[in-house]
Amino acid sequence: MTNTPTPSGSVDATKVQPIQRVSDDDLYRHSSQYRMWSFTPEQLAQKRVEINARAATVLETRVRSFLEQNPDLGSDEVAAITEKAVPVTADEEVLLVNYFARMLLTFATKMNLPTEVAATAVTFFRRFYLNNSVMDIVPKEIFYTTLFFACKSENFFIGIDSFAKKTKSKNEDVLKYEFRLLESLQFTLMNHHPFKALHGFFLDIQNILQGKVDLNYMGQVYTNCKKTIMEAILTDVVYFYSPPQITLAALLKEDEALAMRYLDLKFANEDSPGVLHLETLRTVIVACKDTMSANAVPSKEQATRTVAKIHFGQNPLSVVERMRRQRESASPP
């Protein structure tokens, strides 16, 4: 019996390769968010130091120029300017940005804006200060701009007149830095928030653990994870980890037993080609959870001190005027 020749172009069944699937992580790594807004902790710290140093040089030059132009100042006034009109540190900048980012989230919630809009506003705000210093543009000047721009970016339309009325602001103040914001964002407006990954994971958990989890309980876990993710958006984990990793870290934080049980079953066949190694994933999401948990909430007092420091640095004359008012109030009538 003769062997039938294999037709040209046909595939030998014994040589069929395993199907290589494109994961969500693969797609994410081709996004502008990953390419332009992902950093290592060292890269992020260096970026912030450089931005701070650049703005500090400008501020110090401004203060020196003010002193040179006002040679009639008293020695005590010069000493006060030298003490108070100084640049903020990189750590103080981060503290102030995080404080206003939290205020922005609270404000968006009070306006009953969708979760995606609130998350995008916070994201835009924090990214803006990865290319600008609070000594260049103080947070309150870009506050409403980021919120209005987030509404447009997420297709939640609010006209400028209506927005200004709701926020008790002026149209020109909201729009003043809009193009500066767009430039600082490097024209990347698409945001991959972890909320979509959260929805997908919870559908998959119900499938993988079918009949083994209480649906009412799962609903509560989902709600709590959503809150945890919103808190995570206020931290630097968004620069270090992908949205699915942040989602799994939120689940781990909410219910470690449930998260580990799901991962054990989901990645049980980890020797298959293309399947992520379970221990590697565990290490990543535990590190992500720890980073989320270590985030400190800045106090109002800390933020107020930093704002005052910026004000004096931008307006050295205000230091002198303050001293003179104090002298007048202390002198007898």
C-alpha atoms as a PDB file:
ATOM      1  CA  MET A   1       0.000   0.000   0.000  1.00  0.00           C
ATOM      2  CA  THR A   2       1.466   3.317  -0.996  1.00  0.00           C
ATOM      3  CA  ASN A   3       1.497   6.338   1.294  1.00  0.00           C
ATOM      4  CA  THR A   4      -0.690   9.174   0.186  1.00  0.00           C
ATOM      5  CA  PRO A   5       1.486  12.249  -0.198  1.00  0.00           C
ATOM      6  CA  THR A   6       0.669  15.238   1.974  1.00  0.00           C
ATOM      7  CA  PRO A   7      -0.819  17.976  -0.209  1.00  0.00           C
ATOM      8  CA  SER A   8       1.326  21.067  -0.566  1.00  0.00           C
ATOM      9  CA  GLY A   9       0.402  23.701   2.051  1.00  0.00           C
ATOM     10  CA  SER A  10      -1.477  21.302   4.345  1.00  0.00           C
ATOM     11  CA  VAL A  11      -0.636  21.031   8.048  1.00  0.00           C
ATOM     12  CA  ASP A  12       0.718  17.844   9.567  1.00  0.00           C
ATOM     13  CA  ALA A  13      -1.560  17.137  12.559  1.00  0.00           C
ATOM     14  CA  THR A  14       1.366  15.718  14.521  1.00  0.00           C
ATOM     15  CA  LYS A  15       3.170  19.055  14.253  1.00  0.00           C
ATOM     16  CA  VAL A  16       0.325  21.394  15.243  1.00  0.00           C
ATOM     17  CA  GLN A  17       1.637  23.988  17.689  1.00  0.00           C
ATOM     18  CA  PRO A  18      -0.338  25.041  20.776  1.00  0.00           C
ATOM     19  CA  ILE A  19      -2.565  28.052  20.178  1.00  0.00           C
ATOM     20  CA  GLN A  20      -0.894  31.227  21.368  1.00  0.00           C
ATOM     21  CA  ARG A  21      -3.506  33.529  22.854  1.00  0.00           C
ATOM     22  CA  VAL A  22      -3.176  37.278  23.250  1.00  0.00           C
ATOM     23  CA  SER A  23      -3.948  38.185  26.857  1.00  0.00           C
ATOM     24  CA  ASP A  24      -5.319  41.445  28.223  1.00  0.00           C
ATOM     25  CA  ASP A  25      -1.856  42.130  29.623  1.00  0.00           C
ATOM     26  CA  ASP A  26      -0.394  41.749  26.109  1.00  0.00           C
ATOM     27  CA  LEU A  27      -2.891  44.274  24.772  1.00  0.00           C
ATOM     28  CA  TYR A  28      -2.238  46.637  27.687  1.00  0.00           C
ATOM     29  CA  ARG A  29       1.492  46.608  27.000  1.00  0.00           C
ATOM     30  CA  HIS A  30       0.805  48.046  23.553  1.00  0.00           C
ATOM     31  CA  SER A  31      -1.215  50.928  24.991  1.00  0.00           C
ATOM     32  CA  SER A  32      -0.017  54.506  25.385  1.00  0.00           C
ATOM     33  CA  GLN A  33      -0.741  54.234  29.113  1.00  0.00           C
ATOM     34  CA  TYR A  34       1.825  51.467  29.504  1.00  0.00           C
ATOM     35  CA  ARG A  35       4.389  53.003  27.171  1.00  0.00           C
ATOM     36  CA  MET A  36       4.238  56.541  28.557  1.00  0.00           C
ATOM     37  CA  TRP A  37       2.911  56.277  32.108  1.00  0.00           C
ATOM     38  CA  SER A  38       4.553  53.153  33.513  1.00  0.00           C
ATOM     39  CA  PHE A  39       7.666  53.506  35.668  1.00  0.00           C
ATOM     40  CA  THR A  40       9.806  51.675  38.148  1.00  0.00           C
ATOM     41  CA  PRO A  41       9.813  53.240  41.640  1.00  0.00           C
ATOM     42  CA  GLU A  42      13.318  54.548  40.951  1.00  0.00           C
ATOM     43  CA  GLN A  43      12.322  56.115  37.629  1.00  0.00           C
ATOM     44  CA  LEU A  44       9.292  57.794  39.169  1.00  0.00           C
ATOM     45  CA  ALA A  45      11.282  59.197  42.090  1.00  0.00           C
ATOM     46  CA  GLN A  46      13.958  60.527  39.728  1.00  0.00           C
ATOM     47  CA  LYS A  47      11.348  62.161  37.502  1.00  0.00           C
ATOM     48  CA  ARG A  48       9.821  63.961  40.467  1.00  0.00           C
ATOM     49  CA  VAL A  49      13.198  65.103  41.753  1.00  0.00           C
ATOM     50  CA  GLU A  50      14.108  66.545  38.353  1.00  0.00           C
ATOM     51  CA  ILE A  51      10.832  68.431  38.014  1.00  0.00           C
ATOM     52  CA  ASN A  52      11.190  69.780  41.542  1.00  0.00           C
ATOM     53  CA  ALA A  53      14.800  70.867  40.963  1.00  0.00           C
ATOM     54  CA  ARG A  54      13.890  72.715  37.767  1.00  0.00           C
ATOM     55  CA  ALA A  55      11.071  74.639  39.456  1.00  0.00           C
ATOM     56  CA  ALA A  56      13.200  75.309  42.551  1.00  0.00           C
ATOM     57  CA  THR A  57      15.872  76.970  40.403  1.00  0.00           C
ATOM     58  CA  VAL A  58      13.262  79.286  38.868  1.00  0.00           C
ATOM     59  CA  LEU A  59      11.864  80.179  42.297  1.00  0.00           C
ATOM     60  CA  GLU A  60      15.282  80.866  43.797  1.00  0.00           C
ATOM     61  CA  THR A  61      16.139  83.123  40.842  1.00  0.00           C
ATOM     62  CA  ARG A  62      12.882  85.022  41.356  1.00  0.00           C
ATOM     63  CA  VAL A  63      13.608  85.562  45.064  1.00  0.00           C
ATOM     64  CA  ARG A  64      17.166  86.739  44.382  1.00  0.00           C
ATOM     65  CA  SER A  65      15.858  89.170  41.776  1.00  0.00           C
ATOM     66  CA  PHE A  66      13.316  90.525  44.260  1.00  0.00           C
ATOM     67  CA  LEU A  67      16.012  91.122  46.883  1.00  0.00           C
ATOM     68  CA  GLU A  68      18.254  92.875  44.349  1.00  0.00           C
ATOM     69  CA  GLN A  69      15.392  95.138  43.270  1.00  0.00           C
ATOM     70  CA  ASN A  70      14.556  96.055  46.872  1.00  0.00           C
ATOM     71  CA  PRO A  71      17.847  97.062  48.544  1.00  0.00           C
ATOM     72  CA  ASP A  72      15.991  99.193  51.124  1.00  0.00           C
ATOM     73  CA  LEU A  73      14.576  96.132  52.922  1.00  0.00           C
ATOM     74  CA  GLY A  74      15.533  95.776  56.571  1.00  0.00           C
ATOM     75  CA  SER A  75      17.875  93.028  57.667  1.00  0.00           C
ATOM     76  CA  ASP A  76      15.049  91.305  59.557  1.00  0.00           C
ATOM     77  CA  GLU A  77      12.878  91.417  56.434  1.00  0.00           C
ATOM     78  CA  VAL A  78      15.651  89.953  54.291  1.00  0.00           C
ATOM     79  CA  ALA A  79      16.163  87.230  56.901  1.00  0.00           C
ATOM     80  CA  ALA A  80      12.427  86.439  56.899  1.00  0.00           C
ATOM     81  CA  ILE A  81      12.358  86.169  53.094  1.00  0.00           C
ATOM     82  CA  THR A  82      15.427  83.936  53.149  1.00  0.00           C
ATOM     83  CA  GLU A  83      13.699  81.698  55.699  1.00  0.00           C
ATOM     84  CA  LYS A  84      10.174  81.572  54.273  1.00  0.00           C
ATOM     85  CA  ALA A  85      10.481  82.135  50.499  1.00  0.00           C
ATOM     86  CA  VAL A  86      12.131  78.807  49.795  1.00  0.00           C
ATOM     87  CA  PRO A  87      11.262  75.969  47.365  1.00  0.00           C
ATOM     88  CA  VAL A  88       9.153  73.040  48.502  1.00  0.00           C
ATOM     89  CA  THR A  89      10.796  69.630  48.428  1.00  0.00           C
ATOM     90  CA  ALA A  90       9.906  66.810  46.056  1.00  0.00           C
ATOM     91  CA  ASP A  91       8.261  64.940  48.944  1.00  0.00           C
ATOM     92  CA  GLU A  92       6.172  67.988  49.820  1.00  0.00           C
ATOM     93  CA  GLU A  93       5.067  68.212  46.197  1.00  0.00           C
ATOM     94  CA  VAL A  94       3.867  64.606  46.223  1.00  0.00           C
ATOM     95  CA  LEU A  95       2.052  65.187  49.501  1.00  0.00           C
ATOM     96  CA  LEU A  96       0.220  68.237  48.136  1.00  0.00           C
ATOM     97  CA  VAL A  97      -0.697  66.562  44.840  1.00  0.00           C
ATOM     98  CA  ASN A  98      -2.083  63.547  46.690  1.00  0.00           C
ATOM     99  CA  TYR A  99      -4.047  65.788  49.052  1.00  0.00           C
ATOM    100  CA  PHE A 100      -5.723  67.648  46.183  1.00  0.00           C
ATOM    101  CA  ALA A 101      -6.262  64.407  44.239  1.00  0.00           C
ATOM    102  CA  ARG A 102      -8.264  63.092  47.183  1.00  0.00           C
ATOM    103  CA  MET A 103     -10.216  66.363  47.312  1.00  0.00           C
ATOM    104  CA  LEU A 104     -10.904  66.004  43.590  1.00  0.00           C
ATOM    105  CA  LEU A 105     -12.316  62.521  44.092  1.00  0.00           C
ATOM    106  CA  THR A 106     -14.549  63.738  46.913  1.00  0.00           C
ATOM    107  CA  PHE A 107     -15.752  66.660  44.824  1.00  0.00           C
ATOM    108  CA  ALA A 108     -16.541  64.422  41.834  1.00  0.00           C
ATOM    109  CA  THR A 109     -18.560  62.153  44.118  1.00  0.00           C
ATOM    110  CA  LYS A 110     -20.563  65.104  45.449  1.00  0.00           C
ATOM    111  CA  MET A 111     -21.317  66.079  41.836  1.00  0.00           C
ATOM    112  CA  ASN A 112     -22.660  62.537  41.277  1.00  0.00           C
ATOM    113  CA  LEU A 113     -20.243  61.981  38.402  1.00  0.00           C
ATOM    114  CA  PRO A 114     -19.705  58.396  37.150  1.00  0.00           C
ATOM    115  CA  THR A 115     -16.901  56.381  38.703  1.00  0.00           C
ATOM    116  CA  GLU A 116     -14.936  56.360  35.433  1.00  0.00           C
ATOM    117  CA  VAL A 117     -15.067  60.162  35.217  1.00  0.00           C
ATOM    118  CA  ALA A 118     -13.864  60.570  38.802  1.00  0.00           C
ATOM    119  CA  ALA A 119     -11.033  58.071  38.243  1.00  0.00           C
ATOM    120  CA  THR A 120      -9.983  59.783  35.009  1.00  0.00           C
ATOM    121  CA  ALA A 121      -9.998  63.213  36.666  1.00  0.00           C
ATOM    122  CA  VAL A 122      -7.689  61.956  39.424  1.00  0.00           C
ATOM    123  CA  THR A 123      -5.483  60.234  36.844  1.00  0.00           C
ATOM    124  CA  PHE A 124      -5.183  63.381  34.703  1.00  0.00           C
ATOM    125  CA  PHE A 125      -4.474  65.506  37.770  1.00  0.00           C
ATOM    126  CA  ARG A 126      -1.683  63.280  39.063  1.00  0.00           C
ATOM    127  CA  ARG A 127      -0.132  62.825  35.604  1.00  0.00           C
ATOM    128  CA  PHE A 128      -0.123  66.594  35.116  1.00  0.00           C
ATOM    129  CA  TYR A 129       2.258  66.866  38.052  1.00  0.00           C
ATOM    130  CA  LEU A 130       4.636  64.343  36.536  1.00  0.00           C
ATOM    131  CA  ASN A 131       5.486  67.036  33.987  1.00  0.00           C
ATOM    132  CA  ASN A 132       4.849  70.159  36.066  1.00  0.00           C
ATOM    133  CA  SER A 133       5.659  71.372  39.551  1.00  0.00           C
ATOM    134  CA  VAL A 134       3.215  72.735  42.108  1.00  0.00           C
ATOM    135  CA  MET A 135       5.585  75.723  42.201  1.00  0.00           C
ATOM    136  CA  ASP A 136       4.747  76.396  38.527  1.00  0.00           C
ATOM    137  CA  ILE A 137       0.971  75.936  38.712  1.00  0.00           C
ATOM    138  CA  VAL A 138      -0.645  75.452  42.103  1.00  0.00           C
ATOM    139  CA  PRO A 139      -3.148  72.570  42.324  1.00  0.00           C
ATOM    140  CA  LYS A 140      -6.213  74.755  42.853  1.00  0.00           C
ATOM    141  CA  GLU A 141      -5.644  76.356  39.427  1.00  0.00           C
ATOM    142  CA  ILE A 142      -5.811  73.033  37.575  1.00  0.00           C
ATOM    143  CA  PHE A 143      -8.390  71.414  39.882  1.00  0.00           C
ATOM    144  CA  TYR A 144     -11.575  72.131  37.905  1.00  0.00           C
ATOM    145  CA  THR A 145      -9.775  71.904  34.574  1.00  0.00           C
ATOM    146  CA  THR A 146      -8.915  68.242  35.095  1.00  0.00           C
ATOM    147  CA  LEU A 147     -12.465  67.455  36.193  1.00  0.00           C
ATOM    148  CA  PHE A 148     -14.041  69.213  33.199  1.00  0.00           C
ATOM    149  CA  PHE A 149     -11.567  67.602  30.808  1.00  0.00           C
ATOM    150  CA  ALA A 150     -12.253  64.163  32.318  1.00  0.00           C
ATOM    151  CA  CYS A 151     -15.972  64.619  31.634  1.00  0.00           C
ATOM    152  CA  LYS A 152     -15.220  65.272  27.976  1.00  0.00           C
ATOM    153  CA  SER A 153     -12.695  62.439  27.755  1.00  0.00           C
ATOM    154  CA  GLU A 154     -15.176  59.915  29.180  1.00  0.00           C
ATOM    155  CA  ASN A 155     -18.035  61.175  26.941  1.00  0.00           C
ATOM    156  CA  PHE A 156     -19.981  62.517  29.906  1.00  0.00           C
ATOM    157  CA  PHE A 157     -20.901  65.829  28.379  1.00  0.00           C
ATOM    158  CA  ILE A 158     -21.385  68.916  30.558  1.00  0.00           C
ATOM    159  CA  GLY A 159     -21.322  72.327  28.873  1.00  0.00           C
ATOM    160  CA  ILE A 160     -18.809  74.821  30.214  1.00  0.00           C
ATOM    161  CA  ASP A 161     -21.531  77.186  31.418  1.00  0.00           C
ATOM    162  CA  SER A 162     -23.304  74.423  33.304  1.00  0.00           C
ATOM    163  CA  PHE A 163     -20.026  73.079  34.720  1.00  0.00           C
ATOM    164  CA  ALA A 164     -18.903  76.517  35.909  1.00  0.00           C
ATOM    165  CA  LYS A 165     -22.275  77.072  37.559  1.00  0.00           C
ATOM    166  CA  LYS A 166     -22.201  73.703  39.341  1.00  0.00           C
ATOM    167  CA  THR A 167     -18.633  74.212  40.564  1.00  0.00           C
ATOM    168  CA  LYS A 168     -19.131  77.921  41.344  1.00  0.00           C
ATOM    169  CA  SER A 169     -16.166  78.790  39.171  1.00  0.00           C
ATOM    170  CA  LYS A 170     -15.585  80.990  36.103  1.00  0.00           C
ATOM    171  CA  ASN A 171     -15.496  79.711  32.533  1.00  0.00           C
ATOM    172  CA  GLU A 172     -12.126  81.307  31.836  1.00  0.00           C
ATOM    173  CA  ASP A 173     -10.579  79.796  34.975  1.00  0.00           C
ATOM    174  CA  VAL A 174     -11.725  76.298  34.002  1.00  0.00           C
ATOM    175  CA  LEU A 175     -10.430  76.639  30.431  1.00  0.00           C
ATOM    176  CA  LYS A 176      -7.250  78.620  31.185  1.00  0.00           C
ATOM    177  CA  TYR A 177      -4.937  75.624  31.463  1.00  0.00           C
ATOM    178  CA  GLU A 178      -6.855  73.128  29.331  1.00  0.00           C
ATOM    179  CA  PHE A 179      -4.292  73.022  26.523  1.00  0.00           C
ATOM    180  CA  ARG A 180      -1.435  72.983  29.045  1.00  0.00           C
ATOM    181  CA  LEU A 181      -3.123  69.946  30.587  1.00  0.00           C
ATOM    182  CA  LEU A 182      -3.439  68.264  27.193  1.00  0.00           C
ATOM    183  CA  GLU A 183       0.254  68.904  26.466  1.00  0.00           C
ATOM    184  CA  SER A 184       1.290  67.603  29.880  1.00  0.00           C
ATOM    185  CA  LEU A 185      -0.713  64.437  29.277  1.00  0.00           C
ATOM    186  CA  GLN A 186       1.251  64.080  26.020  1.00  0.00           C
ATOM    187  CA  PHE A 187      -2.102  63.869  24.235  1.00  0.00           C
ATOM    188  CA  THR A 188      -2.796  60.427  25.745  1.00  0.00           C
ATOM    189  CA  LEU A 189      -6.428  60.464  26.840  1.00  0.00           C
ATOM    190  CA  MET A 190      -7.324  56.766  26.861  1.00  0.00           C
ATOM    191  CA  ASN A 191      -7.349  55.370  30.389  1.00  0.00           C
ATOM    192  CA  HIS A 192      -7.274  51.679  31.305  1.00  0.00           C
ATOM    193  CA  HIS A 193      -8.809  51.692  34.770  1.00  0.00           C
ATOM    194  CA  PRO A 194      -8.962  48.482  36.853  1.00  0.00           C
ATOM    195  CA  PHE A 195     -12.781  48.572  37.034  1.00  0.00           C
ATOM    196  CA  LYS A 196     -13.225  46.668  33.779  1.00  0.00           C
ATOM    197  CA  ALA A 197     -10.802  44.015  34.969  1.00  0.00           C
ATOM    198  CA  LEU A 198     -12.749  43.825  38.238  1.00  0.00           C
ATOM    199  CA  HIS A 199     -15.979  43.052  36.390  1.00  0.00           C
ATOM    200  CA  GLY A 200     -14.264  40.392  34.287  1.00  0.00           C
ATOM    201  CA  PHE A 201     -12.588  38.705  37.246  1.00  0.00           C
ATOM    202  CA  PHE A 202     -15.812  38.502  39.211  1.00  0.00           C
ATOM    203  CA  LEU A 203     -17.630  36.883  36.329  1.00  0.00           C
ATOM    204  CA  ASP A 204     -14.760  34.393  36.037  1.00  0.00           C
ATOM    205  CA  ILE A 205     -14.720  33.714  39.777  1.00  0.00           C
ATOM    206  CA  GLN A 206     -18.407  32.796  39.669  1.00  0.00           C
ATOM    207  CA  ASN A 207     -17.634  30.444  36.798  1.00  0.00           C
ATOM    208  CA  ILE A 208     -14.531  28.854  38.330  1.00  0.00           C
ATOM    209  CA  LEU A 209     -16.095  28.567  41.809  1.00  0.00           C
ATOM    210  CA  GLN A 210     -19.610  27.811  40.619  1.00  0.00           C
ATOM    211  CA  GLY A 211     -21.784  26.656  43.488  1.00  0.00           C
ATOM    212  CA  LYS A 212     -18.961  27.257  45.978  1.00  0.00           C
ATOM    213  CA  VAL A 213     -19.473  30.955  46.670  1.00  0.00           C
ATOM    214  CA  ASP A 214     -22.446  32.897  47.982  1.00  0.00           C
ATOM    215  CA  LEU A 215     -23.608  35.421  45.369  1.00  0.00           C
ATOM    216  CA  ASN A 216     -24.749  37.942  47.974  1.00  0.00           C
ATOM    217  CA  TYR A 217     -21.343  37.773  49.592  1.00  0.00           C
ATOM    218  CA  MET A 218     -19.689  38.150  46.187  1.00  0.00           C
ATOM    219  CA  GLY A 219     -21.716  41.300  45.604  1.00  0.00           C
ATOM    220  CA  GLN A 220     -20.381  42.793  48.827  1.00  0.00           C
ATOM    221  CA  VAL A 221     -16.821  41.811  47.933  1.00  0.00           C
ATOM    222  CA  TYR A 222     -17.269  43.443  44.522  1.00  0.00           C
ATOM    223  CA  THR A 223     -18.445  46.712  46.109  1.00  0.00           C
ATOM    224  CA  ASN A 224     -15.557  46.749  48.586  1.00  0.00           C
ATOM    225  CA  CYS A 225     -13.021  45.959  45.863  1.00  0.00           C
ATOM    226  CA  LYS A 226     -14.354  48.852  43.805  1.00  0.00           C
ATOM    227  CA  LYS A 227     -13.710  51.198  46.743  1.00  0.00           C
ATOM    228  CA  THR A 228     -10.230  49.737  47.204  1.00  0.00           C
ATOM    229  CA  ILE A 229      -9.430  50.271  43.529  1.00  0.00           C
ATOM    230  CA  MET A 230     -10.531  53.905  43.743  1.00  0.00           C
ATOM    231  CA  GLU A 231      -8.172  54.326  46.684  1.00  0.00           C
ATOM    232  CA  ALA A 232      -5.425  52.656  44.649  1.00  0.00           C
ATOM    233  CA  ILE A 233      -5.874  55.208  41.854  1.00  0.00           C
ATOM    234  CA  LEU A 234      -4.786  57.821  44.396  1.00  0.00           C
ATOM    235  CA  THR A 235      -1.445  56.016  44.836  1.00  0.00           C
ATOM    236  CA  ASP A 236       1.644  55.222  42.777  1.00  0.00           C
ATOM    237  CA  VAL A 237       0.615  51.597  42.167  1.00  0.00           C
ATOM    238  CA  VAL A 238      -0.999  52.785  38.913  1.00  0.00           C
ATOM    239  CA  TYR A 239       2.506  53.543  37.596  1.00  0.00           C
ATOM    240  CA  PHE A 240       4.030  50.233  38.727  1.00  0.00           C
ATOM    241  CA  TYR A 241       1.376  47.602  37.976  1.00  0.00           C
ATOM    242  CA  SER A 242      -1.140  46.748  35.243  1.00  0.00           C
ATOM    243  CA  PRO A 243      -4.905  47.190  35.842  1.00  0.00           C
ATOM    244  CA  PRO A 244      -5.556  43.407  36.226  1.00  0.00           C
ATOM    245  CA  GLN A 245      -2.729  43.147  38.767  1.00  0.00           C
ATOM    246  CA  ILE A 246      -4.217  46.037  40.765  1.00  0.00           C
ATOM    247  CA  THR A 247      -7.619  44.345  40.634  1.00  0.00           C
ATOM    248  CA  LEU A 248      -6.267  41.048  41.955  1.00  0.00           C
ATOM    249  CA  ALA A 249      -4.399  42.932  44.699  1.00  0.00           C
ATOM    250  CA  ALA A 250      -7.671  44.610  45.700  1.00  0.00           C
ATOM    251  CA  LEU A 251      -9.367  41.194  45.838  1.00  0.00           C
ATOM    252  CA  LEU A 252      -6.458  39.822  47.862  1.00  0.00           C
ATOM    253  CA  LYS A 253      -6.798  42.714  50.290  1.00  0.00           C
ATOM    254  CA  GLU A 254     -10.549  42.158  50.650  1.00  0.00           C
ATOM    255  CA  ASP A 255     -10.585  38.344  50.919  1.00  0.00           C
ATOM    256  CA  GLU A 256      -7.235  36.597  50.709  1.00  0.00           C
ATOM    257  CA  ALA A 257      -8.719  33.095  50.985  1.00  0.00           C
ATOM    258  CA  LEU A 258     -11.123  33.702  48.100  1.00  0.00           C
ATOM    259  CA  ALA A 259      -8.416  35.260  45.932  1.00  0.00           C
ATOM    260  CA  MET A 260      -5.948  32.425  46.501  1.00  0.00           C
ATOM    261  CA  ARG A 261      -8.568  29.734  45.980  1.00  0.00           C
ATOM    262  CA  TYR A 262      -9.546  31.291  42.662  1.00  0.00           C
ATOM    263  CA  LEU A 263      -5.931  31.608  41.510  1.00  0.00           C
ATOM    264  CA  ASP A 264      -5.115  28.039  42.528  1.00  0.00           C
ATOM    265  CA  LEU A 265      -7.954  26.680  40.395  1.00  0.00           C
ATOM    266  CA  LYS A 266      -7.524  29.139  37.536  1.00  0.00           C
ATOM    267  CA  PHE A 267      -3.819  28.464  37.102  1.00  0.00           C
ATOM    268  CA  ALA A 268      -3.764  24.831  38.254  1.00  0.00           C
ATOM    269  CA  ASN A 269      -2.315  23.660  34.927  1.00  0.00           C
ATOM    270  CA  GLU A 270       0.610  26.056  35.088  1.00  0.00           C
ATOM    271  CA  ASP A 271       2.940  23.774  33.107  1.00  0.00           C
ATOM    272  CA  SER A 272       0.967  24.390  29.921  1.00  0.00           C
ATOM    273  CA  PRO A 273       2.672  26.603  27.353  1.00  0.00           C
ATOM    274  CA  GLY A 274       1.800  30.282  27.658  1.00  0.00           C
ATOM    275  CA  VAL A 275       0.244  29.960  31.119  1.00  0.00           C
ATOM    276  CA  LEU A 276       1.505  32.392  33.726  1.00  0.00           C
ATOM    277  CA  HIS A 277       3.366  30.780  36.599  1.00  0.00           C
ATOM    278  CA  LEU A 278       1.196  30.971  39.705  1.00  0.00           C
ATOM    279  CA  GLU A 279       4.007  31.803  42.126  1.00  0.00           C
ATOM    280  CA  THR A 280       5.132  34.673  39.917  1.00  0.00           C
ATOM    281  CA  LEU A 281       1.613  36.094  39.896  1.00  0.00           C
ATOM    282  CA  ARG A 282       1.277  35.686  43.654  1.00  0.00           C
ATOM    283  CA  THR A 283       4.511  37.558  44.248  1.00  0.00           C
ATOM    284  CA  VAL A 284       3.408  40.427  42.019  1.00  0.00           C
ATOM    285  CA  ILE A 285      -0.045  40.923  43.491  1.00  0.00           C
ATOM    286  CA  VAL A 286       1.183  40.627  47.097  1.00  0.00           C
ATOM    287  CA  ALA A 287       3.769  43.336  46.376  1.00  0.00           C
ATOM    288  CA  CYS A 288       1.031  45.445  44.769  1.00  0.00           C
ATOM    289  CA  LYS A 289      -1.225  44.985  47.806  1.00  0.00           C
ATOM    290  CA  ASP A 290       1.576  45.988  50.169  1.00  0.00           C
ATOM    291  CA  THR A 291       2.257  49.133  48.134  1.00  0.00           C
ATOM    292  CA  MET A 292      -1.434  50.036  48.228  1.00  0.00           C
ATOM    293  CA  SER A 293      -1.604  49.483  51.988  1.00  0.00           C
ATOM    294  CA  ALA A 294       1.506  51.563  52.677  1.00  0.00           C
ATOM    295  CA  ASN A 295       0.002  54.705  51.166  1.00  0.00           C
ATOM    296  CA  ALA A 296      -0.232  57.498  53.734  1.00  0.00           C
ATOM    297  CA  VAL A 297      -3.147  59.937  53.643  1.00  0.00           C
ATOM    298  CA  PRO A 298      -1.812  63.522  53.805  1.00  0.00           C
ATOM    299  CA  SER A 299      -3.316  65.755  56.483  1.00  0.00           C
ATOM    300  CA  LYS A 300      -4.889  69.151  55.945  1.00  0.00           C
ATOM    301  CA  GLU A 301      -2.257  70.734  58.208  1.00  0.00           C
ATOM    302  CA  GLN A 302       0.581  69.360  56.079  1.00  0.00           C
ATOM    303  CA  ALA A 303      -1.091  70.581  52.892  1.00  0.00           C
ATOM    304  CA  THR A 304      -1.742  74.042  54.389  1.00  0.00           C
ATOM    305  CA  ARG A 305       1.917  74.453  55.347  1.00  0.00           C
ATOM    306  CA  THR A 306       3.045  73.463  51.858  1.00  0.00           C
ATOM    307  CA  VAL A 307       0.575  75.854  50.198  1.00  0.00           C
ATOM    308  CA  ALA A 308       1.834  78.702  52.412  1.00  0.00           C
ATOM    309  CA  LYS A 309       5.419  77.848  51.504  1.00  0.00           C
ATOM    310  CA  ILE A 310       4.574  78.004  47.790  1.00  0.00           C
ATOM    311  CA  HIS A 311       2.756  81.320  48.255  1.00  0.00           C
ATOM    312  CA  PHE A 312       5.728  82.953  49.957  1.00  0.00           C
ATOM    313  CA  GLY A 313       8.092  81.597  47.315  1.00  0.00           C
ATOM    314  CA  GLN A 314       5.971  82.955  44.484  1.00  0.00           C
ATOM    315  CA  ASN A 315       5.320  86.263  46.286  1.00  0.00           C
ATOM    316  CA  PRO A 316       8.325  87.317  48.404  1.00  0.00           C
ATOM    317  CA  LEU A 317       6.683  90.707  48.965  1.00  0.00           C
ATOM    318  CA  SER A 318       3.929  88.980  50.944  1.00  0.00           C
ATOM    319  CA  VAL A 319       6.517  87.984  53.562  1.00  0.00           C
ATOM    320  CA  VAL A 320       7.467  91.637  54.038  1.00  0.00           C
ATOM    321  CA  GLU A 321       3.849  92.815  54.125  1.00  0.00           C
ATOM    322  CA  ARG A 322       3.005  90.170  56.695  1.00  0.00           C
ATOM    323  CA  MET A 323       5.879  91.248  58.929  1.00  0.00           C
ATOM    324  CA  ARG A 324       4.860  94.894  58.688  1.00  0.00           C
ATOM    325  CA  ARG A 325       1.242  94.109  59.580  1.00  0.00           C
ATOM    326  CA  GLN A 326       2.420  92.137  62.595  1.00  0.00           C
ATOM    327  CA  ARG A 327       4.592  95.069  63.705  1.00  0.00           C
ATOM    328  CA  GLU A 328       1.687  97.492  63.376  1.00  0.00           C
ATOM    329  CA  SER A 329      -0.690  95.283  65.331  1.00  0.00           C
ATOM    330  CA  ALA A 330       1.916  94.753  68.057  1.00  0.00           C
ATOM    331  CA  SER A 331       2.818  98.443  68.451  1.00  0.00           C
ATOM    332  CA  PRO A 332       0.844 100.424  71.072  1.00  0.00           C
ATOM    333  CA  PRO A 333      -1.820 102.838  69.773  1.00  0.00           C
END
